[in-house]
Amino acid sequence: MRAWKGIEAMRSPRVNTLALLAAAALLCLATASSAGAATLQWDPGGGVADGYKIHYGTSASTPSQTIDVGSVTQYSIDHLPLQENVEYFFSVSAYNAAGESPPCQSIAYTPEDSTPPPPPVELVVE
């Protein structure tokens, strides 16, 4: 099961949405659909941003990876090389010619185990 931790979930039959308002004026959202896809989304808030950076890693206070996603305001984190059953922390910062904003507060996410079950055994015909 995909797990988002650290914030209150608003549930619907098809999508779990989690939101957090950060000091950087970015509204960070994380969604996981019933199909299992995980997407990080954010509302740019105010100001003019040329682009955004996603910071992530296994520590909330010191992310080990940063990816520049350009001017988009959502990104499928299923494209990242994440290990199953490992908790990751994600945050987003905005940048422009004047510099980079502080990141929004981190959101925790644990990719589910996608290993299929073993086949049935001892199949017989009676």
N, C-alpha and C. Protein backbone atom coordinates (compact mmCIF):
# COMPACT_ATOMS: atom_id res chain seq x y z
N MET A 1 0.83 -1.18 0.00
CA MET A 1 0.00 0.00 0.00
C MET A 1 0.88 1.24 0.00
N ARG A 2 0.59 2.20 -0.87
CA ARG A 2 1.34 3.45 -0.88
C ARG A 2 0.92 4.25 0.33
N ALA A 3 1.88 4.87 0.97
CA ALA A 3 1.57 5.59 2.20
C ALA A 3 2.12 7.00 2.17
N TRP A 4 1.29 7.96 2.50
CA TRP A 4 1.68 9.36 2.66
C TRP A 4 1.53 9.65 4.13
N LYS A 5 2.54 10.25 4.76
CA LYS A 5 2.45 10.53 6.17
C LYS A 5 2.75 11.98 6.46
N GLY A 6 2.31 12.43 7.62
CA GLY A 6 2.68 13.75 8.10
C GLY A 6 1.64 14.82 7.89
N ILE A 7 0.56 14.52 7.15
CA ILE A 7 -0.49 15.51 6.94
C ILE A 7 -1.83 14.82 6.85
N GLU A 8 -2.89 15.59 7.03
CA GLU A 8 -4.23 15.03 7.02
C GLU A 8 -4.67 14.69 5.60
N ALA A 9 -5.27 13.55 5.41
CA ALA A 9 -5.72 13.10 4.09
C ALA A 9 -7.17 13.46 3.87
N MET A 10 -7.48 13.88 2.65
CA MET A 10 -8.86 14.09 2.22
C MET A 10 -9.14 12.96 1.23
N ARG A 11 -10.09 12.11 1.50
CA ARG A 11 -10.29 10.91 0.70
C ARG A 11 -11.50 11.03 -0.22
N SER A 12 -11.35 10.45 -1.41
CA SER A 12 -12.46 10.26 -2.33
C SER A 12 -12.36 8.82 -2.81
N PRO A 13 -13.37 8.29 -3.50
CA PRO A 13 -13.31 6.89 -3.92
C PRO A 13 -12.13 6.55 -4.82
N ARG A 14 -11.63 7.53 -5.61
CA ARG A 14 -10.59 7.21 -6.58
C ARG A 14 -9.23 7.82 -6.26
N VAL A 15 -9.17 8.90 -5.51
CA VAL A 15 -7.90 9.57 -5.31
C VAL A 15 -7.73 9.97 -3.84
N ASN A 16 -6.56 9.73 -3.27
CA ASN A 16 -6.21 10.25 -1.96
C ASN A 16 -5.39 11.50 -2.19
N THR A 17 -5.78 12.62 -1.58
CA THR A 17 -5.06 13.87 -1.78
C THR A 17 -4.59 14.37 -0.43
N LEU A 18 -3.34 14.81 -0.39
CA LEU A 18 -2.78 15.34 0.84
C LEU A 18 -2.22 16.72 0.55
N ALA A 19 -2.42 17.65 1.45
CA ALA A 19 -1.99 19.01 1.18
C ALA A 19 -1.27 19.60 2.37
N LEU A 20 -0.37 20.51 2.10
CA LEU A 20 0.39 21.17 3.14
C LEU A 20 0.78 22.55 2.64
N LEU A 21 0.51 23.60 3.42
CA LEU A 21 0.88 24.96 3.05
C LEU A 21 2.22 25.26 3.69
N ALA A 22 3.17 25.71 2.90
CA ALA A 22 4.52 25.91 3.39
C ALA A 22 4.87 27.38 3.46
N ALA A 23 5.95 27.68 4.17
CA ALA A 23 6.42 29.06 4.34
C ALA A 23 6.85 29.68 3.01
N ALA A 24 7.20 28.85 2.04
CA ALA A 24 7.65 29.35 0.75
C ALA A 24 6.50 29.79 -0.14
N ALA A 25 5.30 29.82 0.39
CA ALA A 25 4.09 30.19 -0.36
C ALA A 25 3.77 29.19 -1.45
N LEU A 26 4.28 27.99 -1.34
CA LEU A 26 3.94 26.91 -2.26
C LEU A 26 2.96 26.00 -1.54
N LEU A 27 1.89 25.63 -2.20
CA LEU A 27 0.98 24.65 -1.65
C LEU A 27 1.37 23.32 -2.26
N CYS A 28 1.90 22.44 -1.45
CA CYS A 28 2.38 21.14 -1.94
C CYS A 28 1.29 20.09 -1.76
N LEU A 29 1.03 19.34 -2.80
CA LEU A 29 0.04 18.28 -2.79
C LEU A 29 0.69 16.99 -3.25
N ALA A 30 0.21 15.90 -2.72
CA ALA A 30 0.67 14.61 -3.20
C ALA A 30 -0.56 13.75 -3.41
N THR A 31 -0.64 13.08 -4.55
CA THR A 31 -1.80 12.25 -4.83
C THR A 31 -1.36 10.85 -5.22
N ALA A 32 -2.19 9.90 -4.87
CA ALA A 32 -1.98 8.51 -5.28
C ALA A 32 -3.32 8.00 -5.76
N SER A 33 -3.43 7.69 -7.03
CA SER A 33 -4.70 7.22 -7.57
C SER A 33 -4.91 5.75 -7.26
N SER A 34 -6.11 5.28 -7.50
CA SER A 34 -6.40 3.87 -7.25
C SER A 34 -5.61 2.97 -8.18
N ALA A 35 -5.12 3.52 -9.28
CA ALA A 35 -4.30 2.73 -10.20
C ALA A 35 -2.86 2.61 -9.69
N GLY A 36 -2.53 3.33 -8.62
CA GLY A 36 -1.21 3.19 -8.03
C GLY A 36 -0.21 4.24 -8.45
N ALA A 37 -0.53 5.14 -9.36
CA ALA A 37 0.40 6.18 -9.78
C ALA A 37 0.50 7.23 -8.68
N ALA A 38 1.70 7.74 -8.44
CA ALA A 38 1.91 8.77 -7.43
C ALA A 38 2.39 10.04 -8.11
N THR A 39 1.76 11.17 -7.79
CA THR A 39 2.09 12.45 -8.40
C THR A 39 2.29 13.50 -7.33
N LEU A 40 3.33 14.27 -7.46
CA LEU A 40 3.56 15.41 -6.59
C LEU A 40 3.05 16.63 -7.33
N GLN A 41 2.20 17.44 -6.68
CA GLN A 41 1.62 18.63 -7.30
C GLN A 41 1.80 19.80 -6.36
N TRP A 42 1.88 21.01 -6.91
CA TRP A 42 1.99 22.20 -6.07
C TRP A 42 1.33 23.38 -6.75
N ASP A 43 0.85 24.29 -5.91
CA ASP A 43 0.27 25.54 -6.34
C ASP A 43 1.34 26.60 -6.15
N PRO A 44 1.71 27.33 -7.19
CA PRO A 44 2.82 28.26 -7.08
C PRO A 44 2.60 29.40 -6.09
N GLY A 45 1.37 29.61 -5.64
CA GLY A 45 1.12 30.69 -4.68
C GLY A 45 1.24 32.04 -5.35
N GLY A 46 2.17 32.87 -4.92
CA GLY A 46 2.35 34.20 -5.50
C GLY A 46 3.74 34.33 -6.09
N GLY A 47 3.98 35.46 -6.72
CA GLY A 47 5.29 35.71 -7.30
C GLY A 47 5.44 35.09 -8.67
N VAL A 48 6.58 35.37 -9.29
CA VAL A 48 6.87 34.86 -10.63
C VAL A 48 7.99 33.82 -10.52
N ALA A 49 7.67 32.61 -10.88
CA ALA A 49 8.66 31.53 -10.85
C ALA A 49 9.02 31.13 -12.27
N ASP A 50 10.31 30.97 -12.53
CA ASP A 50 10.76 30.45 -13.82
C ASP A 50 10.70 28.94 -13.85
N GLY A 51 10.75 28.32 -12.68
CA GLY A 51 10.73 26.87 -12.60
C GLY A 51 10.71 26.38 -11.16
N TYR A 52 10.75 25.05 -11.03
CA TYR A 52 10.65 24.42 -9.71
C TYR A 52 11.66 23.29 -9.61
N LYS A 53 12.08 23.04 -8.37
CA LYS A 53 12.98 21.93 -8.08
C LYS A 53 12.32 21.04 -7.04
N ILE A 54 12.40 19.74 -7.29
CA ILE A 54 11.93 18.75 -6.32
C ILE A 54 13.15 18.24 -5.56
N HIS A 55 13.05 18.28 -4.23
CA HIS A 55 14.12 17.78 -3.36
C HIS A 55 13.58 16.53 -2.68
N TYR A 56 14.37 15.46 -2.67
CA TYR A 56 13.88 14.24 -2.03
C TYR A 56 15.03 13.40 -1.50
N GLY A 57 14.68 12.51 -0.60
CA GLY A 57 15.65 11.60 -0.01
C GLY A 57 15.01 10.89 1.17
N THR A 58 15.80 10.14 1.90
CA THR A 58 15.27 9.37 3.03
C THR A 58 15.34 10.14 4.34
N SER A 59 15.82 11.37 4.31
CA SER A 59 15.85 12.23 5.48
C SER A 59 15.02 13.48 5.20
N ALA A 60 14.12 13.83 6.11
CA ALA A 60 13.27 15.01 5.92
C ALA A 60 14.09 16.29 6.00
N SER A 61 15.14 16.30 6.80
CA SER A 61 15.90 17.53 7.01
C SER A 61 17.02 17.74 5.99
N THR A 62 17.51 16.68 5.39
CA THR A 62 18.60 16.81 4.41
C THR A 62 18.33 15.94 3.20
N PRO A 63 17.56 16.45 2.22
CA PRO A 63 17.29 15.65 1.02
C PRO A 63 18.59 15.40 0.25
N SER A 64 18.73 14.21 -0.28
CA SER A 64 19.97 13.82 -0.96
C SER A 64 19.92 14.04 -2.46
N GLN A 65 18.74 14.24 -3.02
CA GLN A 65 18.59 14.40 -4.47
C GLN A 65 17.77 15.65 -4.78
N THR A 66 18.09 16.30 -5.89
CA THR A 66 17.32 17.44 -6.39
C THR A 66 17.14 17.26 -7.89
N ILE A 67 15.94 17.49 -8.36
CA ILE A 67 15.66 17.41 -9.78
C ILE A 67 14.94 18.70 -10.21
N ASP A 68 15.45 19.34 -11.25
CA ASP A 68 14.83 20.54 -11.81
C ASP A 68 13.76 20.08 -12.79
N VAL A 69 12.50 20.42 -12.51
CA VAL A 69 11.41 19.96 -13.36
C VAL A 69 10.88 21.08 -14.26
N GLY A 70 11.57 22.22 -14.30
CA GLY A 70 11.15 23.32 -15.16
C GLY A 70 9.91 24.00 -14.63
N SER A 71 9.06 24.46 -15.54
CA SER A 71 7.90 25.27 -15.15
C SER A 71 6.63 24.48 -14.86
N VAL A 72 6.69 23.16 -14.87
CA VAL A 72 5.50 22.35 -14.58
C VAL A 72 5.13 22.48 -13.10
N THR A 73 3.89 22.21 -12.77
CA THR A 73 3.46 22.26 -11.37
C THR A 73 2.96 20.90 -10.88
N GLN A 74 3.38 19.85 -11.56
CA GLN A 74 3.14 18.48 -11.09
C GLN A 74 4.20 17.58 -11.70
N TYR A 75 4.48 16.47 -11.01
CA TYR A 75 5.51 15.56 -11.50
C TYR A 75 5.19 14.17 -10.98
N SER A 76 5.22 13.19 -11.87
CA SER A 76 4.99 11.80 -11.47
C SER A 76 6.25 11.27 -10.81
N ILE A 77 6.16 10.99 -9.52
CA ILE A 77 7.34 10.50 -8.83
C ILE A 77 7.59 9.02 -9.09
N ASP A 78 6.69 8.39 -9.84
CA ASP A 78 6.93 7.00 -10.25
C ASP A 78 8.11 6.91 -11.22
N HIS A 79 8.52 8.07 -11.80
CA HIS A 79 9.66 8.09 -12.71
C HIS A 79 11.00 8.13 -11.98
N LEU A 80 10.97 8.33 -10.67
CA LEU A 80 12.20 8.42 -9.89
C LEU A 80 12.66 7.04 -9.46
N PRO A 81 13.96 6.86 -9.27
CA PRO A 81 14.48 5.54 -8.86
C PRO A 81 14.29 5.31 -7.36
N LEU A 82 13.06 5.05 -6.95
CA LEU A 82 12.75 4.85 -5.53
C LEU A 82 12.68 3.36 -5.22
N GLN A 83 13.15 3.00 -4.03
CA GLN A 83 13.08 1.61 -3.60
C GLN A 83 11.75 1.35 -2.92
N GLU A 84 11.21 0.17 -3.13
CA GLU A 84 9.95 -0.21 -2.51
C GLU A 84 10.13 -0.32 -1.00
N ASN A 85 9.07 0.01 -0.26
CA ASN A 85 9.02 -0.08 1.19
C ASN A 85 10.07 0.75 1.91
N VAL A 86 10.53 1.83 1.27
CA VAL A 86 11.47 2.78 1.88
C VAL A 86 10.77 4.12 1.95
N GLU A 87 10.80 4.77 3.11
CA GLU A 87 10.14 6.06 3.27
C GLU A 87 11.02 7.17 2.70
N TYR A 88 10.42 7.99 1.81
CA TYR A 88 11.10 9.14 1.21
C TYR A 88 10.37 10.40 1.61
N PHE A 89 11.11 11.51 1.63
CA PHE A 89 10.55 12.81 1.95
C PHE A 89 10.74 13.72 0.74
N PHE A 90 9.67 14.42 0.36
CA PHE A 90 9.66 15.29 -0.82
C PHE A 90 9.32 16.72 -0.42
N SER A 91 9.99 17.68 -1.05
CA SER A 91 9.64 19.08 -0.92
C SER A 91 9.91 19.75 -2.27
N VAL A 92 9.35 20.95 -2.46
CA VAL A 92 9.48 21.67 -3.72
C VAL A 92 9.90 23.10 -3.43
N SER A 93 10.79 23.64 -4.24
CA SER A 93 11.16 25.05 -4.15
C SER A 93 10.97 25.68 -5.53
N ALA A 94 10.74 27.00 -5.53
CA ALA A 94 10.58 27.77 -6.77
C ALA A 94 11.85 28.57 -7.00
N TYR A 95 12.14 28.86 -8.28
CA TYR A 95 13.29 29.71 -8.57
C TYR A 95 12.99 30.65 -9.73
N ASN A 96 13.74 31.74 -9.75
CA ASN A 96 13.72 32.69 -10.87
C ASN A 96 15.09 33.39 -10.89
N ALA A 97 15.23 34.45 -11.66
CA ALA A 97 16.51 35.13 -11.80
C ALA A 97 17.02 35.68 -10.48
N ALA A 98 16.13 35.97 -9.54
CA ALA A 98 16.52 36.53 -8.24
C ALA A 98 17.04 35.47 -7.28
N GLY A 99 16.76 34.19 -7.53
CA GLY A 99 17.24 33.13 -6.64
C GLY A 99 16.22 32.03 -6.46
N GLU A 100 16.40 31.26 -5.40
CA GLU A 100 15.54 30.11 -5.12
C GLU A 100 14.84 30.30 -3.79
N SER A 101 13.55 29.94 -3.74
CA SER A 101 12.78 30.05 -2.51
C SER A 101 13.17 28.93 -1.56
N PRO A 102 12.83 29.08 -0.29
CA PRO A 102 12.96 27.92 0.61
C PRO A 102 11.97 26.85 0.15
N PRO A 103 12.25 25.59 0.41
CA PRO A 103 11.29 24.55 0.01
C PRO A 103 10.07 24.53 0.91
N CYS A 104 8.97 24.01 0.37
CA CYS A 104 7.78 23.79 1.20
C CYS A 104 8.13 22.70 2.21
N GLN A 105 7.28 22.56 3.22
CA GLN A 105 7.51 21.52 4.22
C GLN A 105 7.44 20.16 3.54
N SER A 106 8.27 19.24 3.97
CA SER A 106 8.36 17.95 3.29
C SER A 106 7.11 17.09 3.53
N ILE A 107 6.87 16.21 2.57
CA ILE A 107 5.79 15.23 2.61
C ILE A 107 6.44 13.85 2.53
N ALA A 108 6.02 12.94 3.39
CA ALA A 108 6.58 11.59 3.41
C ALA A 108 5.78 10.67 2.49
N TYR A 109 6.50 9.79 1.81
CA TYR A 109 5.88 8.84 0.88
C TYR A 109 6.68 7.53 0.89
N THR A 110 5.97 6.42 0.93
CA THR A 110 6.59 5.10 0.89
C THR A 110 6.04 4.32 -0.30
N PRO A 111 6.86 4.05 -1.32
CA PRO A 111 6.38 3.24 -2.45
C PRO A 111 6.01 1.83 -1.99
N GLU A 112 4.91 1.35 -2.49
CA GLU A 112 4.46 0.01 -2.10
C GLU A 112 5.29 -1.08 -2.78
N ASP A 113 5.19 -2.25 -2.22
CA ASP A 113 5.83 -3.42 -2.81
C ASP A 113 5.04 -3.82 -4.04
N SER A 114 5.68 -3.82 -5.21
CA SER A 114 4.97 -4.16 -6.45
C SER A 114 5.28 -5.58 -6.93
N THR A 115 5.83 -6.39 -6.05
CA THR A 115 6.12 -7.77 -6.41
C THR A 115 4.82 -8.56 -6.47
N PRO A 116 4.55 -9.23 -7.59
CA PRO A 116 3.31 -10.02 -7.67
C PRO A 116 3.40 -11.22 -6.73
N PRO A 117 2.26 -11.76 -6.33
CA PRO A 117 2.29 -12.92 -5.44
C PRO A 117 2.83 -14.14 -6.18
N PRO A 118 3.29 -15.14 -5.43
CA PRO A 118 3.76 -16.36 -6.09
C PRO A 118 2.58 -17.12 -6.69
N PRO A 119 2.86 -17.99 -7.66
CA PRO A 119 1.75 -18.75 -8.26
C PRO A 119 1.20 -19.77 -7.26
N PRO A 120 -0.04 -20.17 -7.45
CA PRO A 120 -0.60 -21.23 -6.60
C PRO A 120 0.19 -22.52 -6.78
N VAL A 121 0.16 -23.34 -5.76
CA VAL A 121 0.89 -24.63 -5.82
C VAL A 121 -0.08 -25.78 -5.60
N GLU A 122 0.38 -26.94 -5.93
CA GLU A 122 -0.35 -28.19 -5.74
C GLU A 122 -1.72 -28.16 -6.44
N LEU A 123 -1.71 -27.75 -7.68
CA LEU A 123 -2.92 -27.75 -8.48
C LEU A 123 -3.25 -29.17 -8.89
N VAL A 124 -4.49 -29.60 -8.68
CA VAL A 124 -4.89 -30.96 -9.03
C VAL A 124 -6.21 -30.91 -9.78
N VAL A 125 -6.46 -31.94 -10.55
CA VAL A 125 -7.72 -32.13 -11.25
C VAL A 125 -8.41 -33.33 -10.62
N GLU A 126 -9.65 -33.17 -10.25
CA GLU A 126 -10.35 -34.29 -9.63
C GLU A 126 -11.49 -34.74 -10.49
